[in-house]
Amino acid sequence: MLTTILFYFYATVLVGSALGVVLARNPVRAALFLVLAFFTSAVLWLLLEAEFLGIVLVLVYVGAVMVLFLFVIMMLDINVAELRAGFTRYAPLGAVIAGLMIFEIVYVVWVKHLGYDLAAVGTPLAAGESNTKALGAVLYTDYALPFQLAAVVLLVAIVAAITLTMRRRPGYKQQDVVAQVATRKADRLRIMKVEPEKRR
């Protein structure tokens, strides 16, 4: 009974935060609503006894990816007025996608109400077992290469975000690497002959 109450409470918070992500006019506030959505999703994973997924959701997405998103949003100087103007242009497509998602959810609930079991309910883990340990063993043995490739992709994304912020702006000083490499000694060094002064 308590688990059901907690599920409906956090599910309501999750839906509200998801709506806040879409409807917030300030991009920073939208990102903060997304952080709240990640936290509530992690709590739902914990209720399903999937501790690894909940911890990864908080550490990776909230602790790393969302912090990077916030830095990128604040450093890119996003034009909020332009974003508001484009919202109405994509509103019909968003309404169609939202309608399809609502239809799928209602269909699943209706089929479940008819008595069809769409998926087997997970059984509780034994006393000495841990899904985190099992997932870690599989991740670092069978899927070690894809895991490293994902790390490389994230590194490329970080470098790309930093590169986007290094665009030319008025009053912004930037190094010209090509000019520095192509420079010659005569351009930077001038030898002058100075007559020695006579001591008095």
Protein backbone atom coordinates (compact mmCIF):
# COMPACT_ATOMS: atom_id res chain seq x y z
CA MET A 1 0.00 0.00 0.00
CA LEU A 2 2.78 2.45 0.92
CA THR A 3 4.67 1.57 -2.27
CA THR A 4 1.58 2.35 -4.37
CA ILE A 5 1.10 5.72 -2.66
CA LEU A 6 4.76 6.61 -3.19
CA PHE A 7 4.55 5.56 -6.83
CA TYR A 8 1.55 7.76 -7.58
CA PHE A 9 3.09 10.69 -5.70
CA TYR A 10 6.42 10.57 -7.52
CA ALA A 11 4.71 9.82 -10.83
CA THR A 12 2.64 12.99 -10.40
CA VAL A 13 5.78 15.00 -9.62
CA LEU A 14 7.47 13.47 -12.67
CA VAL A 15 4.62 14.41 -14.99
CA GLY A 16 4.53 17.94 -13.56
CA SER A 17 8.28 18.41 -13.97
CA ALA A 18 8.11 17.06 -17.52
CA LEU A 19 5.43 19.62 -18.33
CA GLY A 20 7.65 22.27 -16.74
CA VAL A 21 10.48 21.29 -19.10
CA VAL A 22 8.25 21.83 -22.12
CA LEU A 23 6.35 24.90 -20.95
CA ALA A 24 9.14 26.85 -19.19
CA ARG A 25 10.12 29.94 -21.16
CA ASN A 26 13.52 30.28 -19.53
CA PRO A 27 15.97 27.60 -20.75
CA VAL A 28 17.74 27.46 -17.38
CA ARG A 29 14.46 26.82 -15.58
CA ALA A 30 13.62 24.13 -18.14
CA ALA A 31 16.94 22.43 -17.40
CA LEU A 32 16.23 22.60 -13.66
CA PHE A 33 12.82 21.03 -14.22
CA LEU A 34 14.62 18.28 -16.14
CA VAL A 35 16.90 17.71 -13.14
CA LEU A 36 13.79 17.28 -10.97
CA ALA A 37 12.38 14.83 -13.52
CA PHE A 38 15.59 12.78 -13.37
CA PHE A 39 15.49 12.68 -9.57
CA THR A 40 11.89 11.49 -9.46
CA SER A 41 12.63 8.90 -12.17
CA ALA A 42 15.51 7.63 -10.03
CA VAL A 43 13.12 7.24 -7.09
CA LEU A 44 10.77 5.22 -9.29
CA TRP A 45 13.67 2.97 -10.29
CA LEU A 46 14.46 2.46 -6.60
CA LEU A 47 10.84 1.45 -5.97
CA LEU A 48 11.28 -1.22 -8.67
CA GLU A 49 14.44 -2.48 -6.91
CA ALA A 50 16.66 -1.30 -9.77
CA GLU A 51 19.21 0.50 -7.62
CA PHE A 52 21.88 0.60 -10.31
CA LEU A 53 19.67 2.42 -12.81
CA GLY A 54 18.55 4.91 -10.17
CA ILE A 55 22.11 5.68 -9.05
CA VAL A 56 23.36 5.98 -12.64
CA LEU A 57 20.48 8.31 -13.47
CA VAL A 58 21.46 10.64 -10.63
CA LEU A 59 25.25 10.45 -10.97
CA VAL A 60 25.56 10.48 -14.76
CA TYR A 61 22.62 12.54 -15.98
CA VAL A 62 22.09 14.91 -13.07
CA GLY A 63 25.70 15.10 -11.90
CA ALA A 64 27.43 15.30 -15.27
CA VAL A 65 25.21 15.72 -18.31
CA MET A 66 22.80 18.26 -16.83
CA VAL A 67 25.62 20.32 -15.36
CA LEU A 68 27.18 20.39 -18.82
CA PHE A 69 23.81 21.41 -20.32
CA LEU A 70 23.49 24.26 -17.83
CA PHE A 71 26.98 25.53 -18.62
CA VAL A 72 26.28 25.34 -22.36
CA ILE A 73 22.91 27.09 -22.02
CA MET A 74 24.39 29.92 -19.97
CA MET A 75 27.48 30.34 -22.15
CA LEU A 76 25.72 30.25 -25.53
CA ASP A 77 23.61 33.36 -24.79
CA ILE A 78 20.43 31.81 -26.13
CA ASN A 79 17.93 34.28 -27.54
CA VAL A 80 14.80 33.55 -25.52
CA ALA A 81 12.56 35.69 -27.74
CA GLU A 82 13.56 33.63 -30.77
CA LEU A 83 12.75 30.42 -28.92
CA ARG A 84 9.30 31.73 -28.01
CA ALA A 85 8.63 32.62 -31.63
CA GLY A 86 9.51 29.09 -32.76
CA PHE A 87 7.32 27.42 -30.13
CA THR A 88 4.06 28.03 -32.00
CA ARG A 89 5.58 26.77 -35.24
CA TYR A 90 6.26 23.32 -33.79
CA ALA A 91 3.13 23.19 -31.61
CA PRO A 92 1.04 21.05 -34.05
CA LEU A 93 3.79 18.44 -34.36
CA GLY A 94 4.19 18.36 -30.58
CA ALA A 95 0.43 17.93 -30.16
CA VAL A 96 0.42 14.96 -32.56
CA ILE A 97 3.32 13.26 -30.76
CA ALA A 98 1.70 13.91 -27.36
CA GLY A 99 -1.57 12.44 -28.67
CA LEU A 100 0.21 9.29 -29.85
CA MET A 101 1.90 8.86 -26.47
CA ILE A 102 -1.41 9.31 -24.62
CA PHE A 103 -3.03 6.76 -26.94
CA GLU A 104 -0.28 4.23 -26.24
CA ILE A 105 -0.58 4.69 -22.47
CA VAL A 106 -4.38 4.38 -22.52
CA TYR A 107 -4.12 1.29 -24.75
CA VAL A 108 -1.67 -0.40 -22.39
CA VAL A 109 -3.88 0.34 -19.35
CA TRP A 110 -6.96 -0.90 -21.20
CA VAL A 111 -5.30 -4.15 -22.30
CA LYS A 112 -4.01 -4.64 -18.74
CA HIS A 113 -7.54 -4.10 -17.43
CA LEU A 114 -8.84 -6.85 -19.69
CA GLY A 115 -6.61 -9.35 -17.91
CA TYR A 116 -3.75 -9.74 -20.38
CA ASP A 117 -0.36 -9.80 -18.69
CA LEU A 118 1.91 -7.76 -20.94
CA ALA A 119 5.07 -8.45 -18.93
CA ALA A 120 6.00 -10.60 -16.00
CA VAL A 121 6.35 -8.75 -12.73
CA GLY A 122 9.90 -8.89 -11.39
CA THR A 123 10.45 -11.08 -8.37
CA PRO A 124 12.25 -9.68 -5.32
CA LEU A 125 15.96 -10.42 -5.11
CA ALA A 126 17.36 -12.95 -2.71
CA ALA A 127 19.18 -11.87 0.43
CA GLY A 128 22.73 -12.17 -0.93
CA GLU A 129 22.11 -11.04 -4.52
CA SER A 130 22.61 -7.60 -6.04
CA ASN A 131 21.59 -6.45 -9.49
CA THR A 132 24.25 -3.72 -9.33
CA LYS A 133 27.00 -6.31 -8.98
CA ALA A 134 25.60 -8.41 -11.81
CA LEU A 135 25.23 -5.43 -14.15
CA GLY A 136 28.74 -4.21 -13.30
CA ALA A 137 30.22 -7.63 -14.06
CA VAL A 138 28.51 -7.74 -17.45
CA LEU A 139 29.30 -4.10 -18.26
CA TYR A 140 33.04 -4.39 -17.62
CA THR A 141 33.49 -7.80 -19.27
CA ASP A 142 31.17 -8.45 -22.21
CA TYR A 143 30.42 -4.79 -23.00
CA ALA A 144 33.72 -3.14 -22.06
CA LEU A 145 34.38 -1.83 -25.60
CA PRO A 146 30.94 -0.18 -26.08
CA PHE A 147 31.34 1.34 -22.61
CA GLN A 148 34.65 2.92 -23.60
CA LEU A 149 33.18 4.11 -26.91
CA ALA A 150 30.38 5.84 -25.00
CA ALA A 151 33.01 7.61 -22.88
CA VAL A 152 34.77 8.80 -26.06
CA VAL A 153 31.47 10.10 -27.47
CA LEU A 154 30.84 12.07 -24.26
CA LEU A 155 34.36 13.50 -24.46
CA VAL A 156 33.74 14.63 -28.04
CA ALA A 157 30.47 16.23 -26.93
CA ILE A 158 32.27 18.17 -24.18
CA VAL A 159 34.93 19.39 -26.62
CA ALA A 160 32.22 20.40 -29.11
CA ALA A 161 30.36 22.38 -26.42
CA ILE A 162 33.55 24.22 -25.48
CA THR A 163 34.28 24.92 -29.15
CA LEU A 164 30.81 26.42 -29.65
CA THR A 165 31.44 28.87 -26.83
CA MET A 166 34.73 30.01 -28.39
CA ARG A 167 33.06 31.76 -31.31
CA ARG A 168 34.18 35.24 -32.29
CA ARG A 169 32.43 38.03 -30.42
CA PRO A 170 33.08 41.79 -30.25
CA GLY A 171 35.76 42.51 -27.69
CA TYR A 172 36.76 38.85 -27.43
CA LYS A 173 40.46 38.13 -27.89
CA GLN A 174 41.27 34.83 -29.56
CA GLN A 175 44.55 33.22 -30.51
CA ASP A 176 45.42 32.78 -34.18
CA VAL A 177 47.34 29.50 -34.11
CA VAL A 178 48.15 29.59 -37.85
CA ALA A 179 49.70 33.04 -37.55
CA GLN A 180 51.69 31.97 -34.51
CA VAL A 181 53.13 28.91 -36.25
CA ALA A 182 53.90 30.78 -39.49
CA THR A 183 55.76 33.61 -37.78
CA ARG A 184 59.48 34.16 -38.46
CA LYS A 185 62.34 35.38 -36.37
CA ALA A 186 62.54 38.61 -38.33
CA ASP A 187 58.90 39.36 -37.47
CA ARG A 188 59.41 39.06 -33.75
CA LEU A 189 63.09 39.86 -33.15
CA ARG A 190 64.94 43.02 -34.11
CA ILE A 191 68.65 43.38 -33.43
CA MET A 192 69.77 46.93 -32.86
CA LYS A 193 73.30 48.23 -32.50
CA VAL A 194 73.55 50.49 -29.52
CA GLU A 195 76.58 52.68 -28.99
CA PRO A 196 78.09 52.26 -25.56
CA GLU A 197 77.79 55.24 -23.29
CA LYS A 198 80.93 56.93 -22.02
CA ARG A 199 81.39 56.82 -18.31
CA ARG A 200 81.89 60.12 -16.61
